[in-house]
Amino acid sequence: MLDDNARELLADATGSWQRRFIGLVNVRSDAYAPFACLDGTPSFALLRAFGSCLIDIAATKDRPWMMAQVVDVEAPDAPPALAAAVRKLVLQ
């Protein structure tokens, strides 16, 4: 069902949403590679880089608080959730 919804909402000339997601992961992996992670915890610099990517696509009204939200609120839960999502994606 999720796949059908994603295909309907996100499909375009570039192909399936899975291919687009993997392409974005590859691009972001190269961008984040220079930053450190210790015991699965991203460095402050990595979080700032990630926050900058979000700010670039966020609505103008959301940009002032976006960095603090990413670094202070979302970051503690992100690594385990991301790892679980990637495992699920790879196993499909």
N, C-alpha and C. Protein backbone atom coordinates (compact mmCIF):
# COMPACT_ATOMS: atom_id res chain seq x y z
N MET A 1 0.81 -1.18 0.00
CA MET A 1 0.00 0.00 0.00
C MET A 1 0.86 1.26 0.00
N LEU A 2 1.88 1.28 0.88
CA LEU A 2 2.79 2.43 0.91
C LEU A 2 3.46 2.62 -0.43
N ASP A 3 3.89 1.51 -1.02
CA ASP A 3 4.54 1.60 -2.32
C ASP A 3 3.59 2.16 -3.37
N ASP A 4 2.34 1.73 -3.35
CA ASP A 4 1.36 2.25 -4.31
C ASP A 4 1.12 3.74 -4.10
N ASN A 5 0.99 4.15 -2.84
CA ASN A 5 0.79 5.57 -2.55
C ASN A 5 1.99 6.40 -2.98
N ALA A 6 3.19 5.92 -2.67
CA ALA A 6 4.40 6.64 -3.04
C ALA A 6 4.52 6.72 -4.56
N ARG A 7 4.22 5.63 -5.24
CA ARG A 7 4.31 5.62 -6.69
C ARG A 7 3.33 6.63 -7.29
N GLU A 8 2.13 6.66 -6.75
CA GLU A 8 1.12 7.58 -7.26
C GLU A 8 1.49 9.04 -6.99
N LEU A 9 2.00 9.32 -5.80
CA LEU A 9 2.31 10.70 -5.42
C LEU A 9 3.66 11.19 -5.92
N LEU A 10 4.64 10.30 -6.01
CA LEU A 10 6.01 10.72 -6.27
C LEU A 10 6.56 10.34 -7.63
N ALA A 11 5.87 9.47 -8.35
CA ALA A 11 6.39 9.00 -9.63
C ALA A 11 6.51 10.15 -10.62
N ASP A 12 7.60 10.14 -11.34
CA ASP A 12 7.80 11.11 -12.41
C ASP A 12 8.74 10.49 -13.43
N ALA A 13 9.26 11.30 -14.30
CA ALA A 13 10.11 10.81 -15.39
C ALA A 13 11.42 10.19 -14.91
N THR A 14 11.81 10.47 -13.66
CA THR A 14 13.09 9.96 -13.17
C THR A 14 12.99 8.52 -12.67
N GLY A 15 11.83 7.94 -12.63
CA GLY A 15 11.69 6.55 -12.23
C GLY A 15 11.03 6.40 -10.88
N SER A 16 11.18 5.22 -10.31
CA SER A 16 10.49 4.89 -9.06
C SER A 16 11.04 5.70 -7.90
N TRP A 17 10.23 5.80 -6.85
CA TRP A 17 10.67 6.54 -5.67
C TRP A 17 11.83 5.84 -5.00
N GLN A 18 11.92 4.51 -5.11
CA GLN A 18 13.05 3.80 -4.51
C GLN A 18 14.37 4.20 -5.18
N ARG A 19 14.36 4.27 -6.51
CA ARG A 19 15.59 4.67 -7.22
C ARG A 19 15.97 6.10 -6.88
N ARG A 20 14.97 6.98 -6.79
CA ARG A 20 15.25 8.37 -6.43
C ARG A 20 15.80 8.46 -5.02
N PHE A 21 15.25 7.67 -4.09
CA PHE A 21 15.73 7.67 -2.71
C PHE A 21 17.17 7.19 -2.64
N ILE A 22 17.48 6.08 -3.30
CA ILE A 22 18.84 5.55 -3.29
C ILE A 22 19.81 6.55 -3.93
N GLY A 23 19.38 7.21 -4.99
CA GLY A 23 20.22 8.25 -5.60
C GLY A 23 20.52 9.38 -4.63
N LEU A 24 19.52 9.80 -3.89
CA LEU A 24 19.72 10.86 -2.90
C LEU A 24 20.63 10.38 -1.77
N VAL A 25 20.45 9.15 -1.32
CA VAL A 25 21.33 8.59 -0.29
C VAL A 25 22.78 8.60 -0.78
N ASN A 26 23.00 8.22 -2.02
CA ASN A 26 24.36 8.22 -2.57
C ASN A 26 24.95 9.62 -2.59
N VAL A 27 24.18 10.60 -3.02
CA VAL A 27 24.66 11.98 -3.06
C VAL A 27 24.96 12.48 -1.65
N ARG A 28 24.04 12.25 -0.74
CA ARG A 28 24.22 12.72 0.64
C ARG A 28 25.36 11.99 1.32
N SER A 29 25.55 10.72 1.03
CA SER A 29 26.65 9.96 1.65
C SER A 29 27.99 10.60 1.31
N ASP A 30 28.16 11.00 0.07
CA ASP A 30 29.39 11.68 -0.31
C ASP A 30 29.55 13.00 0.43
N ALA A 31 28.45 13.73 0.59
CA ALA A 31 28.51 15.03 1.26
C ALA A 31 28.80 14.88 2.76
N TYR A 32 28.28 13.82 3.37
CA TYR A 32 28.43 13.63 4.81
C TYR A 32 29.69 12.84 5.19
N ALA A 33 30.33 12.21 4.23
CA ALA A 33 31.49 11.35 4.51
C ALA A 33 32.60 12.03 5.31
N PRO A 34 32.89 13.31 5.08
CA PRO A 34 33.98 13.93 5.84
C PRO A 34 33.67 14.14 7.33
N PHE A 35 32.42 14.02 7.73
CA PHE A 35 32.04 14.32 9.11
C PHE A 35 32.14 13.07 9.98
N ALA A 36 32.41 13.31 11.26
CA ALA A 36 32.60 12.21 12.20
C ALA A 36 31.28 11.75 12.81
N CYS A 37 31.28 10.47 13.17
CA CYS A 37 30.24 9.87 14.00
C CYS A 37 30.96 9.02 15.04
N LEU A 38 30.54 9.13 16.27
CA LEU A 38 31.16 8.34 17.32
C LEU A 38 30.09 7.48 17.96
N ASP A 39 30.26 6.18 17.90
CA ASP A 39 29.29 5.24 18.47
C ASP A 39 27.89 5.47 17.93
N GLY A 40 27.79 5.75 16.64
CA GLY A 40 26.49 5.95 16.01
C GLY A 40 25.87 7.31 16.24
N THR A 41 26.60 8.20 16.90
CA THR A 41 26.10 9.55 17.17
C THR A 41 26.75 10.53 16.21
N PRO A 42 25.97 11.22 15.40
CA PRO A 42 26.55 12.16 14.44
C PRO A 42 27.16 13.37 15.15
N SER A 43 28.24 13.86 14.57
CA SER A 43 28.89 15.05 15.13
C SER A 43 28.02 16.29 14.93
N PHE A 44 28.32 17.32 15.70
CA PHE A 44 27.60 18.58 15.57
C PHE A 44 27.74 19.12 14.15
N ALA A 45 28.93 19.00 13.57
CA ALA A 45 29.15 19.49 12.21
C ALA A 45 28.28 18.75 11.20
N LEU A 46 28.14 17.43 11.36
CA LEU A 46 27.28 16.66 10.47
C LEU A 46 25.83 17.11 10.60
N LEU A 47 25.39 17.31 11.83
CA LEU A 47 24.01 17.76 12.04
C LEU A 47 23.77 19.13 11.42
N ARG A 48 24.75 20.02 11.51
CA ARG A 48 24.61 21.34 10.89
C ARG A 48 24.54 21.21 9.37
N ALA A 49 25.36 20.32 8.80
CA ALA A 49 25.32 20.11 7.35
C ALA A 49 23.96 19.56 6.93
N PHE A 50 23.44 18.61 7.69
CA PHE A 50 22.12 18.05 7.40
C PHE A 50 21.05 19.13 7.53
N GLY A 51 21.13 19.92 8.59
CA GLY A 51 20.18 21.01 8.77
C GLY A 51 20.20 21.99 7.62
N SER A 52 21.38 22.26 7.09
CA SER A 52 21.49 23.17 5.95
C SER A 52 20.77 22.62 4.73
N CYS A 53 20.84 21.31 4.53
CA CYS A 53 20.12 20.70 3.40
C CYS A 53 18.62 20.87 3.58
N LEU A 54 18.14 20.73 4.80
CA LEU A 54 16.70 20.90 5.05
C LEU A 54 16.27 22.35 4.88
N ILE A 55 17.10 23.26 5.35
CA ILE A 55 16.77 24.68 5.22
C ILE A 55 16.61 25.05 3.75
N ASP A 56 17.45 24.45 2.90
CA ASP A 56 17.38 24.76 1.47
C ASP A 56 16.02 24.42 0.86
N ILE A 57 15.33 23.43 1.41
CA ILE A 57 14.04 23.02 0.83
C ILE A 57 12.85 23.40 1.70
N ALA A 58 13.10 23.97 2.86
CA ALA A 58 12.02 24.33 3.78
C ALA A 58 11.30 25.60 3.32
N ALA A 59 10.07 25.71 3.74
CA ALA A 59 9.31 26.94 3.50
C ALA A 59 10.01 28.09 4.21
N THR A 60 9.97 29.26 3.64
CA THR A 60 10.65 30.43 4.18
C THR A 60 10.27 30.68 5.64
N LYS A 61 9.02 30.50 5.97
CA LYS A 61 8.56 30.76 7.35
C LYS A 61 9.15 29.78 8.35
N ASP A 62 9.60 28.60 7.90
CA ASP A 62 10.15 27.59 8.80
C ASP A 62 11.66 27.66 8.95
N ARG A 63 12.33 28.38 8.11
CA ARG A 63 13.79 28.40 8.11
C ARG A 63 14.43 28.91 9.40
N PRO A 64 13.85 29.92 10.06
CA PRO A 64 14.52 30.44 11.27
C PRO A 64 14.70 29.40 12.39
N TRP A 65 13.78 28.49 12.54
CA TRP A 65 13.87 27.51 13.64
C TRP A 65 14.34 26.13 13.19
N MET A 66 14.52 25.93 11.90
CA MET A 66 14.83 24.60 11.36
C MET A 66 16.14 24.02 11.92
N MET A 67 17.21 24.81 11.97
CA MET A 67 18.50 24.28 12.44
C MET A 67 18.41 23.82 13.89
N ALA A 68 17.80 24.62 14.75
CA ALA A 68 17.67 24.23 16.16
C ALA A 68 16.84 22.96 16.29
N GLN A 69 15.80 22.84 15.50
CA GLN A 69 14.95 21.65 15.54
C GLN A 69 15.74 20.41 15.16
N VAL A 70 16.53 20.51 14.11
CA VAL A 70 17.32 19.36 13.66
C VAL A 70 18.36 18.98 14.69
N VAL A 71 19.14 19.95 15.14
CA VAL A 71 20.27 19.66 16.02
C VAL A 71 19.82 19.27 17.43
N ASP A 72 18.86 19.98 17.98
CA ASP A 72 18.49 19.78 19.38
C ASP A 72 17.37 18.79 19.61
N VAL A 73 16.44 18.66 18.66
CA VAL A 73 15.25 17.86 18.91
C VAL A 73 15.26 16.55 18.12
N GLU A 74 15.49 16.62 16.83
CA GLU A 74 15.38 15.44 15.97
C GLU A 74 16.61 14.54 16.03
N ALA A 75 17.78 15.09 16.20
CA ALA A 75 19.03 14.33 16.11
C ALA A 75 19.13 13.15 17.06
N PRO A 76 18.71 13.26 18.32
CA PRO A 76 18.89 12.11 19.21
C PRO A 76 18.18 10.84 18.74
N ASP A 77 17.04 10.96 18.07
CA ASP A 77 16.29 9.79 17.63
C ASP A 77 16.59 9.39 16.19
N ALA A 78 17.30 10.20 15.47
CA ALA A 78 17.47 9.96 14.04
C ALA A 78 18.31 8.73 13.69
N PRO A 79 19.49 8.51 14.28
CA PRO A 79 20.30 7.36 13.82
C PRO A 79 19.59 6.01 13.92
N PRO A 80 18.97 5.66 15.04
CA PRO A 80 18.29 4.36 15.08
C PRO A 80 17.11 4.28 14.10
N ALA A 81 16.36 5.36 13.98
CA ALA A 81 15.22 5.36 13.06
C ALA A 81 15.69 5.24 11.61
N LEU A 82 16.75 5.94 11.26
CA LEU A 82 17.29 5.87 9.91
C LEU A 82 17.83 4.47 9.61
N ALA A 83 18.56 3.90 10.56
CA ALA A 83 19.10 2.55 10.37
C ALA A 83 17.98 1.54 10.15
N ALA A 84 16.92 1.65 10.93
CA ALA A 84 15.79 0.73 10.78
C ALA A 84 15.11 0.91 9.43
N ALA A 85 14.95 2.15 9.00
CA ALA A 85 14.30 2.42 7.71
C ALA A 85 15.14 1.88 6.55
N VAL A 86 16.44 2.06 6.61
CA VAL A 86 17.31 1.57 5.54
C VAL A 86 17.30 0.05 5.51
N ARG A 87 17.37 -0.59 6.69
CA ARG A 87 17.31 -2.07 6.74
C ARG A 87 16.01 -2.56 6.10
N LYS A 88 14.90 -1.92 6.43
CA LYS A 88 13.61 -2.33 5.88
C LYS A 88 13.59 -2.15 4.37
N LEU A 89 14.14 -1.04 3.90
CA LEU A 89 14.18 -0.77 2.46
C LEU A 89 15.02 -1.82 1.74
N VAL A 90 16.17 -2.14 2.30
CA VAL A 90 17.08 -3.10 1.66
C VAL A 90 16.49 -4.50 1.65
N LEU A 91 15.75 -4.85 2.68
CA LEU A 91 15.18 -6.20 2.77
C LEU A 91 13.95 -6.41 1.91
N GLN A 92 13.38 -5.33 1.37
CA GLN A 92 12.17 -5.47 0.54
C GLN A 92 12.49 -6.07 -0.80
